[in-house]
Amino acid sequence: MSHSLDLSGDPRAAAEQALHLAADVSGPVQLSFTGTLDDVFDGDHHQGLTVTVNQGTSVDTVMADLREAARPQR
């Protein structure tokens, strides 16, 4: 069964929550994040960035995946 988590606000907290859920379900979680990845007052607002979070992944890796998803596609 696929698990998904829709979160907004603090991206590091969202990554941590997704990692906890992945551990609880012993499988991958689709994290859909809405918000600013860097400076809340100066960063770009992103809507629905979606990444797969695997059990045992680090918060920094999830953050890097979110930043990659936020990069404009060419």
PDB file of N, CA and C in Angstrom:
ATOM      1  N   MET A   1       0.839  -1.173   0.000  1.00  0.00           N
ATOM      2  CA  MET A   1       0.000   0.000   0.000  1.00  0.00           C
ATOM      3  C   MET A   1       0.890   1.244   0.000  1.00  0.00           C
ATOM      4  N   SER A   2       0.543   2.207  -0.793  1.00  0.00           N
ATOM      5  CA  SER A   2       1.302   3.444  -0.888  1.00  0.00           C
ATOM      6  C   SER A   2       0.851   4.421   0.191  1.00  0.00           C
ATOM      7  N   HIS A   3       1.825   5.066   0.824  1.00  0.00           N
ATOM      8  CA  HIS A   3       1.519   6.049   1.859  1.00  0.00           C
ATOM      9  C   HIS A   3       1.937   7.423   1.372  1.00  0.00           C
ATOM     10  N   SER A   4       1.102   8.422   1.657  1.00  0.00           N
ATOM     11  CA  SER A   4       1.438   9.783   1.259  1.00  0.00           C
ATOM     12  C   SER A   4       1.209  10.717   2.432  1.00  0.00           C
ATOM     13  N   LEU A   5       1.942  11.831   2.383  1.00  0.00           N
ATOM     14  CA  LEU A   5       1.896  12.801   3.462  1.00  0.00           C
ATOM     15  C   LEU A   5       1.944  14.186   2.829  1.00  0.00           C
ATOM     16  N   ASP A   6       0.923  15.000   3.054  1.00  0.00           N
ATOM     17  CA  ASP A   6       0.873  16.373   2.554  1.00  0.00           C
ATOM     18  C   ASP A   6       1.197  17.312   3.705  1.00  0.00           C
ATOM     19  N   LEU A   7       2.306  18.060   3.581  1.00  0.00           N
ATOM     20  CA  LEU A   7       2.726  18.955   4.647  1.00  0.00           C
ATOM     21  C   LEU A   7       3.117  20.314   4.094  1.00  0.00           C
ATOM     22  N   SER A   8       3.068  21.306   4.966  1.00  0.00           N
ATOM     23  CA  SER A   8       3.522  22.644   4.601  1.00  0.00           C
ATOM     24  C   SER A   8       4.230  23.241   5.803  1.00  0.00           C
ATOM     25  N   GLY A   9       4.891  24.372   5.581  1.00  0.00           N
ATOM     26  CA  GLY A   9       5.573  25.046   6.681  1.00  0.00           C
ATOM     27  C   GLY A   9       7.063  24.812   6.661  1.00  0.00           C
ATOM     28  N   ASP A  10       7.595  24.269   7.747  1.00  0.00           N
ATOM     29  CA  ASP A  10       9.020  24.039   7.908  1.00  0.00           C
ATOM     30  C   ASP A  10       9.440  22.782   7.133  1.00  0.00           C
ATOM     31  N   PRO A  11      10.304  22.923   6.108  1.00  0.00           N
ATOM     32  CA  PRO A  11      10.661  21.762   5.295  1.00  0.00           C
ATOM     33  C   PRO A  11      11.442  20.696   6.063  1.00  0.00           C
ATOM     34  N   ARG A  12      12.300  21.099   7.004  1.00  0.00           N
ATOM     35  CA  ARG A  12      13.049  20.099   7.781  1.00  0.00           C
ATOM     36  C   ARG A  12      12.108  19.291   8.674  1.00  0.00           C
ATOM     37  N   ALA A  13      11.130  19.959   9.268  1.00  0.00           N
ATOM     38  CA  ALA A  13      10.147  19.260  10.091  1.00  0.00           C
ATOM     39  C   ALA A  13       9.314  18.309   9.231  1.00  0.00           C
ATOM     40  N   ALA A  14       8.977  18.738   8.018  1.00  0.00           N
ATOM     41  CA  ALA A  14       8.228  17.879   7.101  1.00  0.00           C
ATOM     42  C   ALA A  14       9.053  16.640   6.742  1.00  0.00           C
ATOM     43  N   ALA A  15      10.344  16.845   6.475  1.00  0.00           N
ATOM     44  CA  ALA A  15      11.225  15.720   6.155  1.00  0.00           C
ATOM     45  C   ALA A  15      11.294  14.744   7.329  1.00  0.00           C
ATOM     46  N   GLU A  16      11.422  15.273   8.535  1.00  0.00           N
ATOM     47  CA  GLU A  16      11.488  14.418   9.727  1.00  0.00           C
ATOM     48  C   GLU A  16      10.192  13.628   9.904  1.00  0.00           C
ATOM     49  N   GLN A  17       9.049  14.280   9.706  1.00  0.00           N
ATOM     50  CA  GLN A  17       7.764  13.586   9.839  1.00  0.00           C
ATOM     51  C   GLN A  17       7.637  12.474   8.806  1.00  0.00           C
ATOM     52  N   ALA A  18       8.070  12.755   7.574  1.00  0.00           N
ATOM     53  CA  ALA A  18       8.002  11.737   6.524  1.00  0.00           C
ATOM     54  C   ALA A  18       8.907  10.550   6.860  1.00  0.00           C
ATOM     55  N   LEU A  19      10.079  10.826   7.411  1.00  0.00           N
ATOM     56  CA  LEU A  19      10.991   9.746   7.799  1.00  0.00           C
ATOM     57  C   LEU A  19      10.396   8.908   8.928  1.00  0.00           C
ATOM     58  N   HIS A  20       9.745   9.545   9.887  1.00  0.00           N
ATOM     59  CA  HIS A  20       9.096   8.801  10.971  1.00  0.00           C
ATOM     60  C   HIS A  20       7.985   7.910  10.421  1.00  0.00           C
ATOM     61  N   LEU A  21       7.197   8.444   9.486  1.00  0.00           N
ATOM     62  CA  LEU A  21       6.126   7.649   8.891  1.00  0.00           C
ATOM     63  C   LEU A  21       6.711   6.479   8.093  1.00  0.00           C
ATOM     64  N   ALA A  22       7.789   6.725   7.342  1.00  0.00           N
ATOM     65  CA  ALA A  22       8.420   5.647   6.577  1.00  0.00           C
ATOM     66  C   ALA A  22       8.896   4.531   7.510  1.00  0.00           C
ATOM     67  N   ALA A  23       9.430   4.901   8.668  1.00  0.00           N
ATOM     68  CA  ALA A  23       9.854   3.893   9.648  1.00  0.00           C
ATOM     69  C   ALA A  23       8.649   3.141  10.211  1.00  0.00           C
ATOM     70  N   ASP A  24       7.567   3.868  10.480  1.00  0.00           N
ATOM     71  CA  ASP A  24       6.365   3.247  11.041  1.00  0.00           C
ATOM     72  C   ASP A  24       5.738   2.246  10.080  1.00  0.00           C
ATOM     73  N   VAL A  25       5.737   2.563   8.794  1.00  0.00           N
ATOM     74  CA  VAL A  25       5.088   1.696   7.804  1.00  0.00           C
ATOM     75  C   VAL A  25       6.083   0.736   7.144  1.00  0.00           C
ATOM     76  N   SER A  26       7.362   0.882   7.501  1.00  0.00           N
ATOM     77  CA  SER A  26       8.428   0.035   6.931  1.00  0.00           C
ATOM     78  C   SER A  26       8.421   0.072   5.409  1.00  0.00           C
ATOM     79  N   GLY A  27       8.292   1.278   4.874  1.00  0.00           N
ATOM     80  CA  GLY A  27       8.293   1.411   3.421  1.00  0.00           C
ATOM     81  C   GLY A  27       8.356   2.863   3.005  1.00  0.00           C
ATOM     82  N   PRO A  28       8.359   3.084   1.698  1.00  0.00           N
ATOM     83  CA  PRO A  28       8.462   4.453   1.192  1.00  0.00           C
ATOM     84  C   PRO A  28       7.201   5.260   1.424  1.00  0.00           C
ATOM     85  N   VAL A  29       7.399   6.579   1.524  1.00  0.00           N
ATOM     86  CA  VAL A  29       6.314   7.529   1.720  1.00  0.00           C
ATOM     87  C   VAL A  29       6.453   8.623   0.669  1.00  0.00           C
ATOM     88  N   GLN A  30       5.348   9.000   0.039  1.00  0.00           N
ATOM     89  CA  GLN A  30       5.346  10.134  -0.880  1.00  0.00           C
ATOM     90  C   GLN A  30       5.088  11.396  -0.067  1.00  0.00           C
ATOM     91  N   LEU A  31       6.084  12.279  -0.026  1.00  0.00           N
ATOM     92  CA  LEU A  31       5.939  13.548   0.680  1.00  0.00           C
ATOM     93  C   LEU A  31       5.610  14.625  -0.337  1.00  0.00           C
ATOM     94  N   SER A  32       4.493  15.294  -0.131  1.00  0.00           N
ATOM     95  CA  SER A  32       4.116  16.440  -0.952  1.00  0.00           C
ATOM     96  C   SER A  32       4.225  17.665  -0.063  1.00  0.00           C
ATOM     97  N   PHE A  33       5.173  18.560  -0.406  1.00  0.00           N
ATOM     98  CA  PHE A  33       5.471  19.711   0.438  1.00  0.00           C
ATOM     99  C   PHE A  33       5.082  21.009  -0.254  1.00  0.00           C
ATOM    100  N   THR A  34       4.456  21.897   0.493  1.00  0.00           N
ATOM    101  CA  THR A  34       4.132  23.238   0.013  1.00  0.00           C
ATOM    102  C   THR A  34       4.748  24.239   0.969  1.00  0.00           C
ATOM    103  N   GLY A  35       5.560  25.140   0.433  1.00  0.00           N
ATOM    104  CA  GLY A  35       6.185  26.157   1.276  1.00  0.00           C
ATOM    105  C   GLY A  35       7.490  26.645   0.690  1.00  0.00           C
ATOM    106  N   THR A  36       8.307  27.256   1.532  1.00  0.00           N
ATOM    107  CA  THR A  36       9.589  27.823   1.139  1.00  0.00           C
ATOM    108  C   THR A  36      10.698  26.942   1.672  1.00  0.00           C
ATOM    109  N   LEU A  37      11.663  26.591   0.821  1.00  0.00           N
ATOM    110  CA  LEU A  37      12.726  25.688   1.232  1.00  0.00           C
ATOM    111  C   LEU A  37      13.854  26.380   1.982  1.00  0.00           C
ATOM    112  N   ASP A  38      14.050  27.654   1.736  1.00  0.00           N
ATOM    113  CA  ASP A  38      15.180  28.341   2.342  1.00  0.00           C
ATOM    114  C   ASP A  38      14.680  29.414   3.302  1.00  0.00           C
ATOM    115  N   ASP A  39      14.969  30.640   3.002  1.00  0.00           N
ATOM    116  CA  ASP A  39      14.558  31.754   3.858  1.00  0.00           C
ATOM    117  C   ASP A  39      13.056  31.994   3.697  1.00  0.00           C
ATOM    118  N   VAL A  40      12.334  31.905   4.780  1.00  0.00           N
ATOM    119  CA  VAL A  40      10.879  32.041   4.737  1.00  0.00           C
ATOM    120  C   VAL A  40      10.453  33.384   4.153  1.00  0.00           C
ATOM    121  N   PHE A  41      11.243  34.430   4.393  1.00  0.00           N
ATOM    122  CA  PHE A  41      10.862  35.762   3.942  1.00  0.00           C
ATOM    123  C   PHE A  41      11.426  36.116   2.579  1.00  0.00           C
ATOM    124  N   ASP A  42      12.444  35.398   2.138  1.00  0.00           N
ATOM    125  CA  ASP A  42      13.126  35.769   0.902  1.00  0.00           C
ATOM    126  C   ASP A  42      13.141  34.648  -0.136  1.00  0.00           C
ATOM    127  N   GLY A  43      12.656  33.463   0.219  1.00  0.00           N
ATOM    128  CA  GLY A  43      12.725  32.332  -0.694  1.00  0.00           C
ATOM    129  C   GLY A  43      11.519  32.239  -1.606  1.00  0.00           C
ATOM    130  N   ASP A  44      11.638  31.373  -2.592  1.00  0.00           N
ATOM    131  CA  ASP A  44      10.528  31.108  -3.501  1.00  0.00           C
ATOM    132  C   ASP A  44       9.554  30.137  -2.839  1.00  0.00           C
ATOM    133  N   HIS A  45       8.266  30.439  -2.996  1.00  0.00           N
ATOM    134  CA  HIS A  45       7.229  29.564  -2.459  1.00  0.00           C
ATOM    135  C   HIS A  45       6.967  28.463  -3.478  1.00  0.00           C
ATOM    136  N   HIS A  46       6.942  27.224  -3.025  1.00  0.00           N
ATOM    137  CA  HIS A  46       6.711  26.078  -3.904  1.00  0.00           C
ATOM    138  C   HIS A  46       5.401  25.402  -3.514  1.00  0.00           C
ATOM    139  N   GLN A  47       4.701  24.924  -4.505  1.00  0.00           N
ATOM    140  CA  GLN A  47       3.412  24.277  -4.301  1.00  0.00           C
ATOM    141  C   GLN A  47       3.520  22.809  -4.704  1.00  0.00           C
ATOM    142  N   GLY A  48       3.294  21.914  -3.760  1.00  0.00           N
ATOM    143  CA  GLY A  48       3.195  20.488  -4.086  1.00  0.00           C
ATOM    144  C   GLY A  48       4.461  19.840  -4.604  1.00  0.00           C
ATOM    145  N   LEU A  49       5.617  20.147  -4.030  1.00  0.00           N
ATOM    146  CA  LEU A  49       6.840  19.427  -4.393  1.00  0.00           C
ATOM    147  C   LEU A  49       6.689  18.003  -3.872  1.00  0.00           C
ATOM    148  N   THR A  50       6.859  17.022  -4.736  1.00  0.00           N
ATOM    149  CA  THR A  50       6.645  15.643  -4.323  1.00  0.00           C
ATOM    150  C   THR A  50       7.927  14.840  -4.478  1.00  0.00           C
ATOM    151  N   VAL A  51       8.312  14.176  -3.389  1.00  0.00           N
ATOM    152  CA  VAL A  51       9.491  13.308  -3.387  1.00  0.00           C
ATOM    153  C   VAL A  51       9.145  12.018  -2.652  1.00  0.00           C
ATOM    154  N   THR A  52       9.882  10.971  -2.966  1.00  0.00           N
ATOM    155  CA  THR A  52       9.732   9.704  -2.262  1.00  0.00           C
ATOM    156  C   THR A  52      10.740   9.667  -1.122  1.00  0.00           C
ATOM    157  N   VAL A  53      10.262   9.355   0.057  1.00  0.00           N
ATOM    158  CA  VAL A  53      11.106   9.279   1.250  1.00  0.00           C
ATOM    159  C   VAL A  53      11.186   7.808   1.661  1.00  0.00           C
ATOM    160  N   ASN A  54      12.401   7.288   1.681  1.00  0.00           N
ATOM    161  CA  ASN A  54      12.608   5.890   2.050  1.00  0.00           C
ATOM    162  C   ASN A  54      13.081   5.776   3.488  1.00  0.00           C
ATOM    163  N   GLN A  55      12.712   4.686   4.106  1.00  0.00           N
ATOM    164  CA  GLN A  55      13.119   4.406   5.480  1.00  0.00           C
ATOM    165  C   GLN A  55      14.641   4.425   5.568  1.00  0.00           C
ATOM    166  N   GLY A  56      15.180   5.080   6.592  1.00  0.00           N
ATOM    167  CA  GLY A  56      16.622   5.111   6.793  1.00  0.00           C
ATOM    168  C   GLY A  56      17.343   6.238   6.077  1.00  0.00           C
ATOM    169  N   THR A  57      16.616   7.016   5.281  1.00  0.00           N
ATOM    170  CA  THR A  57      17.205   8.165   4.594  1.00  0.00           C
ATOM    171  C   THR A  57      17.432   9.276   5.611  1.00  0.00           C
ATOM    172  N   SER A  58      18.418  10.136   5.355  1.00  0.00           N
ATOM    173  CA  SER A  58      18.669  11.249   6.279  1.00  0.00           C
ATOM    174  C   SER A  58      17.785  12.444   5.929  1.00  0.00           C
ATOM    175  N   VAL A  59      17.595  13.316   6.910  1.00  0.00           N
ATOM    176  CA  VAL A  59      16.843  14.551   6.688  1.00  0.00           C
ATOM    177  C   VAL A  59      17.526  15.379   5.596  1.00  0.00           C
ATOM    178  N   ASP A  60      18.858  15.427   5.620  1.00  0.00           N
ATOM    179  CA  ASP A  60      19.595  16.200   4.609  1.00  0.00           C
ATOM    180  C   ASP A  60      19.348  15.662   3.198  1.00  0.00           C
ATOM    181  N   THR A  61      19.236  14.356   3.065  1.00  0.00           N
ATOM    182  CA  THR A  61      18.954  13.760   1.749  1.00  0.00           C
ATOM    183  C   THR A  61      17.554  14.141   1.282  1.00  0.00           C
ATOM    184  N   VAL A  62      16.581  14.106   2.183  1.00  0.00           N
ATOM    185  CA  VAL A  62      15.214  14.500   1.823  1.00  0.00           C
ATOM    186  C   VAL A  62      15.192  15.969   1.420  1.00  0.00           C
ATOM    187  N   MET A  63      15.913  16.814   2.153  1.00  0.00           N
ATOM    188  CA  MET A  63      15.991  18.244   1.808  1.00  0.00           C
ATOM    189  C   MET A  63      16.616  18.424   0.423  1.00  0.00           C
ATOM    190  N   ALA A  64      17.677  17.667   0.131  1.00  0.00           N
ATOM    191  CA  ALA A  64      18.317  17.751  -1.186  1.00  0.00           C
ATOM    192  C   ALA A  64      17.340  17.310  -2.282  1.00  0.00           C
ATOM    193  N   ASP A  65      16.554  16.275  -2.007  1.00  0.00           N
ATOM    194  CA  ASP A  65      15.554  15.810  -2.981  1.00  0.00           C
ATOM    195  C   ASP A  65      14.482  16.872  -3.210  1.00  0.00           C
ATOM    196  N   LEU A  66      14.054  17.551  -2.140  1.00  0.00           N
ATOM    197  CA  LEU A  66      13.072  18.629  -2.295  1.00  0.00           C
ATOM    198  C   LEU A  66      13.648  19.774  -3.129  1.00  0.00           C
ATOM    199  N   ARG A  67      14.913  20.132  -2.877  1.00  0.00           N
ATOM    200  CA  ARG A  67      15.545  21.203  -3.660  1.00  0.00           C
ATOM    201  C   ARG A  67      15.662  20.820  -5.135  1.00  0.00           C
ATOM    202  N   GLU A  68      15.972  19.550  -5.378  1.00  0.00           N
ATOM    203  CA  GLU A  68      16.065  19.057  -6.760  1.00  0.00           C
ATOM    204  C   GLU A  68      14.690  19.132  -7.430  1.00  0.00           C
ATOM    205  N   ALA A  69      13.646  18.758  -6.704  1.00  0.00           N
ATOM    206  CA  ALA A  69      12.288  18.815  -7.258  1.00  0.00           C
ATOM    207  C   ALA A  69      11.864  20.253  -7.529  1.00  0.00           C
ATOM    208  N   ALA A  70      12.428  21.198  -6.781  1.00  0.00           N
ATOM    209  CA  ALA A  70      12.056  22.605  -6.939  1.00  0.00           C
ATOM    210  C   ALA A  70      12.782  23.285  -8.106  1.00  0.00           C
ATOM    211  N   ARG A  71      13.849  22.666  -8.586  1.00  0.00           N
ATOM    212  CA  ARG A  71      14.601  23.281  -9.696  1.00  0.00           C
ATOM    213  C   ARG A  71      13.751  23.276 -10.958  1.00  0.00           C
ATOM    214  N   PRO A  72      13.807  24.365 -11.715  1.00  0.00           N
ATOM    215  CA  PRO A  72      13.041  24.401 -12.970  1.00  0.00           C
ATOM    216  C   PRO A  72      13.489  23.303 -13.924  1.00  0.00           C
ATOM    217  N   GLN A  73      12.516  22.634 -14.514  1.00  0.00           N
ATOM    218  CA  GLN A  73      12.820  21.578 -15.485  1.00  0.00           C
ATOM    219  C   GLN A  73      13.110  22.194 -16.836  1.00  0.00           C
ATOM    220  N   ARG A  74      14.121  21.691 -17.490  1.00  0.00           N
ATOM    221  CA  ARG A  74      14.486  22.224 -18.826  1.00  0.00           C
ATOM    222  C   ARG A  74      14.118  21.281 -19.904  1.00  0.00           C
TER     223      ARG A  74
END
